[in-house]
Amino acid sequence: MQRVVRVFVAIFAIVGVVFLSSAPEVEAESSSRVADNGTGDRFESDGDWGTSSYGQGVHDEDYRFARPSEDSEPARFRVEIPEDGDYAVYARWPKVNGLNASVPIGIATASGVQWTRVNQQKNGGRWVRLGVYRMEAGDGYSVLFSRETSGTDYVGADAVKVEKVADSSREPKTSSSRGEEVVSEAKKWSGVRFRLGGSTRRGIDCSGLTMAVYRKFGLSLPHSDRGQYRYGKKVSGSPRPGDLVFFDEHGNGISHVGIYAGNGKVVHASNYYNKVTESQMKYLKGYVGARRLL
């Protein structure tokens, strides 16, 4: 009898280990703050946003959707940030046809709203990590879903999540080596002819070049020099290699963008030289400022 009991205990222990090892990981509630579109005081949008429960992986019961619009207020998720620090920010949308491939999402950081773009035609029904951001304590609208994008496909907004991270796990800040990688990628386009509206090696313009280069680093930028000036963090001092540098050449607003290469030089698609080239920045008129994206 004792032998039978011992065998039963051994089998139970093995089966128990199998069940435990195959159980999904569950995140501790205390480590994250989730805001869902269905919670009245955690979500706000204008009347153009519809409500639907159709699709796979919908968080809770439903999600919001709206057509792109150049003149609209973003939908806003209110997330409680318990203390100043570094936070991983996640967004969620359903797995459903008809969502947009380039949705701007803004995160309210300690240095202002930082924008990134997501492809909602992928990774539907799961938490998608946007990055790690320095955020300040408070209970305000921390994550924004903008409709200012191209095409006719819908922008979807389901839920967001914010998690406190330790300083040791924070994603690295922009470093000289990282910036040099951007510059190196930009220089691979040297000699490609200038073509207004172009974004390929058959011909490319200034914002097409910066868009193509930063796509290699996981960032989706609009094909517009003025539009790109809204991305990243404004550089208060001198630019670093890899920063976007902007110019107002004719006194009518931003008209040119390039990638700062260091030593006073910029890699850009030049209409004057009719190709992608590296120039002394001091010879480009109307320097406006720089934006740091990484």
Protein backbone atom coordinates (compact mmCIF):
# COMPACT_ATOMS: atom_id res chain seq x y z
CA MET A 1 0.00 0.00 0.00
CA GLN A 2 2.80 2.38 0.87
CA ARG A 3 4.44 1.58 -2.44
CA VAL A 4 1.23 2.43 -4.31
CA VAL A 5 0.96 5.74 -2.47
CA ARG A 6 4.55 6.62 -3.29
CA VAL A 7 3.96 5.83 -6.99
CA PHE A 8 0.78 7.99 -6.99
CA VAL A 9 2.61 10.89 -5.36
CA ALA A 10 5.43 10.63 -7.88
CA ILE A 11 3.00 10.61 -10.82
CA PHE A 12 1.09 13.59 -9.35
CA ALA A 13 4.33 15.52 -8.94
CA ILE A 14 5.33 14.91 -12.57
CA VAL A 15 1.88 15.83 -13.91
CA GLY A 16 1.83 18.89 -11.68
CA VAL A 17 5.14 20.06 -13.08
CA VAL A 18 3.81 19.62 -16.64
CA PHE A 19 0.68 21.66 -15.90
CA LEU A 20 2.61 24.41 -14.17
CA SER A 21 5.22 24.67 -16.88
CA SER A 22 2.58 24.96 -19.61
CA ALA A 23 0.49 27.58 -17.82
CA PRO A 24 0.55 31.04 -19.44
CA GLU A 25 2.41 33.83 -17.71
CA VAL A 26 0.11 36.18 -15.82
CA GLU A 27 1.21 39.76 -15.23
CA ALA A 28 0.79 41.10 -11.73
CA GLU A 29 -1.94 43.72 -11.54
CA SER A 30 0.20 45.92 -9.32
CA SER A 31 2.86 46.27 -12.04
CA SER A 32 0.61 47.72 -14.73
CA ARG A 33 -2.14 50.26 -15.37
CA VAL A 34 -4.67 49.40 -18.10
CA ALA A 35 -7.16 51.82 -19.68
CA ASP A 36 -9.91 50.41 -21.90
CA ASN A 37 -12.09 52.37 -24.32
CA GLY A 38 -15.21 51.09 -22.57
CA THR A 39 -14.37 52.67 -19.24
CA GLY A 40 -16.08 56.05 -19.24
CA ASP A 41 -13.60 58.07 -17.22
CA ARG A 42 -10.55 56.46 -18.91
CA PHE A 43 -11.31 57.23 -22.56
CA GLU A 44 -12.41 60.32 -24.46
CA SER A 45 -13.06 60.98 -28.17
CA ASP A 46 -15.18 63.13 -30.44
CA GLY A 47 -18.41 61.92 -32.04
CA ASP A 48 -16.73 60.63 -35.20
CA TRP A 49 -15.49 57.49 -33.44
CA GLY A 50 -17.75 54.46 -33.79
CA THR A 51 -17.97 51.42 -31.51
CA SER A 52 -17.66 47.78 -32.59
CA SER A 53 -17.12 44.34 -31.08
CA TYR A 54 -16.37 42.64 -34.43
CA GLY A 55 -12.96 40.99 -34.81
CA GLN A 56 -10.58 38.74 -32.91
CA GLY A 57 -8.74 39.55 -29.69
CA VAL A 58 -10.98 42.44 -28.65
CA HIS A 59 -10.06 43.67 -25.17
CA ASP A 60 -13.11 43.43 -22.87
CA GLU A 61 -16.24 43.95 -24.99
CA ASP A 62 -15.56 46.43 -27.78
CA TYR A 63 -13.23 48.97 -29.38
CA ARG A 64 -13.46 52.36 -31.16
CA PHE A 65 -12.75 53.12 -34.82
CA ALA A 66 -12.74 56.17 -37.11
CA ARG A 67 -11.70 57.20 -40.61
CA PRO A 68 -8.50 59.22 -41.14
CA SER A 69 -8.90 62.99 -40.87
CA GLU A 70 -6.35 65.77 -41.14
CA ASP A 71 -8.39 68.14 -38.97
CA SER A 72 -9.46 66.17 -35.91
CA GLU A 73 -8.72 65.73 -32.23
CA PRO A 74 -7.06 62.46 -31.20
CA ALA A 75 -8.81 59.87 -29.07
CA ARG A 76 -7.34 59.95 -25.55
CA PHE A 77 -6.69 57.26 -22.95
CA ARG A 78 -6.37 58.39 -19.34
CA VAL A 79 -3.76 56.38 -17.42
CA GLU A 80 -2.70 56.85 -13.82
CA ILE A 81 1.08 57.24 -13.47
CA PRO A 82 1.84 56.59 -9.78
CA GLU A 83 5.29 58.23 -9.69
CA ASP A 84 7.90 59.85 -11.89
CA GLY A 85 9.95 57.25 -13.72
CA ASP A 86 10.45 55.10 -16.78
CA TYR A 87 7.41 53.27 -18.12
CA ALA A 88 6.88 50.72 -20.88
CA VAL A 89 3.83 51.74 -22.90
CA TYR A 90 1.68 49.24 -24.83
CA ALA A 91 -1.26 49.68 -27.19
CA ARG A 92 -3.90 47.27 -28.40
CA TRP A 93 -6.24 47.01 -31.40
CA PRO A 94 -8.32 44.07 -32.67
CA LYS A 95 -7.39 41.62 -35.39
CA VAL A 96 -9.79 42.73 -38.10
CA ASN A 97 -9.63 43.75 -41.76
CA GLY A 98 -9.75 47.40 -42.70
CA LEU A 99 -7.41 48.98 -40.15
CA ASN A 100 -4.73 51.49 -41.13
CA ALA A 101 -1.07 50.63 -41.75
CA SER A 102 0.29 53.90 -40.32
CA VAL A 103 -1.47 55.10 -37.17
CA PRO A 104 0.19 57.89 -35.12
CA ILE A 105 0.18 57.25 -31.37
CA GLY A 106 1.37 59.94 -28.97
CA ILE A 107 2.76 59.37 -25.48
CA ALA A 108 2.74 62.20 -22.95
CA THR A 109 6.30 62.16 -21.61
CA ALA A 110 8.15 64.41 -19.19
CA SER A 111 9.56 66.32 -22.18
CA GLY A 112 6.31 66.59 -24.15
CA VAL A 113 4.25 64.35 -26.40
CA GLN A 114 6.39 61.90 -28.38
CA TRP A 115 4.80 60.33 -31.47
CA THR A 116 5.36 56.95 -33.03
CA ARG A 117 3.49 55.05 -35.74
CA VAL A 118 2.08 51.53 -35.70
CA ASN A 119 0.85 49.22 -38.45
CA GLN A 120 -2.58 48.11 -37.29
CA GLN A 121 -2.78 45.59 -40.12
CA LYS A 122 -0.41 43.49 -38.01
CA ASN A 123 -0.30 42.24 -34.41
CA GLY A 124 -4.04 42.62 -33.84
CA GLY A 125 -5.51 41.20 -30.66
CA ARG A 126 -2.31 41.49 -28.61
CA TRP A 127 -0.36 44.03 -26.58
CA VAL A 128 2.14 45.86 -28.78
CA ARG A 129 5.03 47.57 -27.00
CA LEU A 130 5.57 51.14 -28.21
CA GLY A 131 8.73 51.77 -26.18
CA VAL A 132 9.97 52.99 -22.81
CA TYR A 133 9.31 56.62 -21.88
CA ARG A 134 10.12 58.96 -18.99
CA MET A 135 6.72 59.93 -17.57
CA GLU A 136 5.57 62.15 -14.73
CA ALA A 137 3.23 61.24 -11.89
CA GLY A 138 -0.40 62.14 -12.49
CA ASP A 139 -3.75 60.92 -13.72
CA GLY A 140 -4.19 62.55 -17.10
CA TYR A 141 -4.62 61.61 -20.75
CA SER A 142 -1.30 59.91 -21.40
CA VAL A 143 -1.77 58.01 -24.69
CA LEU A 144 -3.29 59.56 -27.84
CA PHE A 145 -4.55 57.86 -31.02
CA SER A 146 -4.45 60.31 -33.93
CA ARG A 147 -6.46 60.14 -37.16
CA GLU A 148 -3.97 62.32 -39.06
CA THR A 149 -2.79 59.62 -41.44
CA SER A 150 -3.12 58.72 -45.12
CA GLY A 151 -5.47 56.35 -46.91
CA THR A 152 -9.05 55.45 -46.09
CA ASP A 153 -8.54 52.53 -43.71
CA TYR A 154 -9.78 52.95 -40.16
CA VAL A 155 -7.82 53.91 -37.06
CA GLY A 156 -8.60 51.52 -34.20
CA ALA A 157 -8.36 52.25 -30.46
CA ASP A 158 -9.07 49.43 -28.01
CA ALA A 159 -6.90 49.70 -24.89
CA VAL A 160 -3.52 50.85 -23.58
CA LYS A 161 -1.25 49.63 -20.80
CA VAL A 162 1.57 51.30 -18.88
CA GLU A 163 4.11 49.40 -16.77
CA LYS A 164 6.82 50.76 -14.47
CA VAL A 165 10.25 49.46 -15.36
CA ALA A 166 13.49 49.41 -13.42
CA ASP A 167 16.23 51.80 -14.49
CA SER A 168 18.42 48.85 -15.46
CA SER A 169 15.86 47.64 -18.01
CA ARG A 170 15.24 50.98 -19.65
CA GLU A 171 15.88 51.07 -23.36
CA PRO A 172 19.12 52.87 -24.18
CA LYS A 173 19.01 56.53 -25.06
CA THR A 174 20.37 57.85 -28.30
CA SER A 175 24.11 57.19 -28.37
CA SER A 176 26.81 58.24 -30.77
CA SER A 177 27.08 54.67 -32.07
CA ARG A 178 23.33 54.49 -32.71
CA GLY A 179 23.41 57.80 -34.53
CA GLU A 180 26.35 56.69 -36.61
CA GLU A 181 24.32 53.67 -37.72
CA VAL A 182 21.64 56.05 -39.02
CA VAL A 183 24.26 58.13 -40.84
CA SER A 184 25.81 54.99 -42.34
CA GLU A 185 22.41 53.88 -43.62
CA ALA A 186 21.77 57.32 -45.11
CA LYS A 187 25.10 57.28 -46.95
CA LYS A 188 24.10 54.03 -48.68
CA TRP A 189 21.73 56.20 -50.72
CA SER A 190 24.51 58.50 -51.96
CA GLY A 191 24.24 59.21 -55.66
CA VAL A 192 20.57 58.22 -55.99
CA ARG A 193 18.97 60.87 -58.21
CA PHE A 194 16.60 63.46 -56.79
CA ARG A 195 12.96 63.04 -57.78
CA LEU A 196 10.19 65.09 -56.18
CA GLY A 197 7.75 62.73 -54.50
CA GLY A 198 10.13 59.78 -54.87
CA SER A 199 10.97 57.29 -52.14
CA THR A 200 12.89 54.53 -53.95
CA ARG A 201 16.33 54.07 -55.49
CA ARG A 202 14.85 55.05 -58.84
CA GLY A 203 14.47 58.56 -57.41
CA ILE A 204 13.94 60.12 -54.01
CA ASP A 205 13.27 63.49 -52.40
CA CYS A 206 14.42 64.86 -49.04
CA SER A 207 11.63 63.52 -46.81
CA GLY A 208 11.54 60.30 -48.83
CA LEU A 209 15.18 59.73 -47.91
CA THR A 210 14.70 60.31 -44.19
CA MET A 211 11.55 58.17 -44.26
CA ALA A 212 13.41 55.30 -45.99
CA VAL A 213 16.41 55.49 -43.66
CA TYR A 214 14.44 55.52 -40.43
CA ARG A 215 12.21 52.69 -41.65
CA LYS A 216 15.31 50.51 -41.20
CA PHE A 217 15.25 51.42 -37.50
CA GLY A 218 11.59 50.56 -36.98
CA LEU A 219 10.18 54.10 -37.26
CA SER A 220 7.40 55.03 -39.67
CA LEU A 221 7.60 58.67 -40.76
CA PRO A 222 5.25 60.57 -43.08
CA HIS A 223 6.50 61.51 -46.54
CA SER A 224 6.56 65.19 -45.62
CA ASP A 225 9.31 67.44 -44.27
CA ARG A 226 6.80 69.50 -42.31
CA GLY A 227 5.09 66.37 -41.04
CA GLN A 228 8.38 64.87 -39.85
CA TYR A 229 9.09 67.98 -37.80
CA ARG A 230 6.34 66.83 -35.42
CA TYR A 231 8.15 63.59 -34.56
CA GLY A 232 10.72 62.83 -31.89
CA LYS A 233 12.12 65.26 -29.37
CA LYS A 234 13.18 68.82 -30.14
CA VAL A 235 16.96 69.25 -29.82
CA SER A 236 17.79 72.23 -27.64
CA GLY A 237 21.52 72.29 -28.30
CA SER A 238 23.69 71.19 -31.20
CA PRO A 239 22.47 68.24 -33.26
CA ARG A 240 24.07 64.82 -32.96
CA PRO A 241 24.76 62.36 -35.78
CA GLY A 242 21.48 60.75 -36.81
CA ASP A 243 19.26 63.70 -35.85
CA LEU A 244 16.88 65.10 -38.43
CA VAL A 245 17.76 68.71 -39.36
CA PHE A 246 15.17 71.03 -40.90
CA PHE A 247 15.39 74.12 -43.09
CA ASP A 248 13.13 76.97 -44.19
CA GLU A 249 14.83 77.80 -47.48
CA HIS A 250 12.32 80.30 -48.85
CA GLY A 251 10.81 81.93 -45.77
CA ASN A 252 7.49 80.10 -46.18
CA GLY A 253 7.92 77.36 -43.58
CA ILE A 254 9.88 74.11 -43.48
CA SER A 255 10.87 73.08 -47.00
CA HIS A 256 13.81 70.69 -46.57
CA VAL A 257 15.04 67.94 -44.22
CA GLY A 258 18.24 65.93 -43.96
CA ILE A 259 20.19 63.73 -41.55
CA TYR A 260 22.97 65.32 -39.55
CA ALA A 261 26.21 63.44 -40.22
CA GLY A 262 28.52 65.17 -37.72
CA ASN A 263 31.30 67.70 -38.24
CA GLY A 264 28.87 70.26 -39.58
CA LYS A 265 27.68 68.06 -42.45
CA VAL A 266 24.27 66.78 -43.51
CA VAL A 267 23.24 63.86 -45.74
CA HIS A 268 20.24 64.89 -47.82
CA ALA A 269 18.45 64.47 -51.13
CA SER A 270 19.41 67.74 -52.82
CA ASN A 271 17.35 69.33 -55.56
CA TYR A 272 20.32 71.63 -56.31
CA TYR A 273 22.75 68.74 -56.89
CA ASN A 274 19.98 66.50 -58.25
CA LYS A 275 21.04 63.56 -56.06
CA VAL A 276 21.57 62.31 -52.51
CA THR A 277 24.78 63.88 -51.27
CA GLU A 278 26.65 65.06 -48.18
CA SER A 279 26.95 68.83 -47.81
CA GLN A 280 28.26 71.38 -45.36
CA MET A 281 25.20 72.39 -43.37
CA LYS A 282 26.28 76.03 -43.27
CA TYR A 283 25.59 76.31 -47.01
CA LEU A 284 21.94 75.31 -46.60
CA LYS A 285 19.68 78.29 -45.99
CA GLY A 286 17.23 78.79 -43.15
CA TYR A 287 18.18 76.22 -40.50
CA VAL A 288 15.11 75.79 -38.27
CA GLY A 289 16.18 73.12 -35.78
CA ALA A 290 16.71 69.41 -35.19
CA ARG A 291 14.59 66.51 -33.92
CA ARG A 292 15.91 63.40 -32.17
CA LEU A 293 13.96 60.24 -32.99
CA LEU A 294 15.88 57.35 -31.43
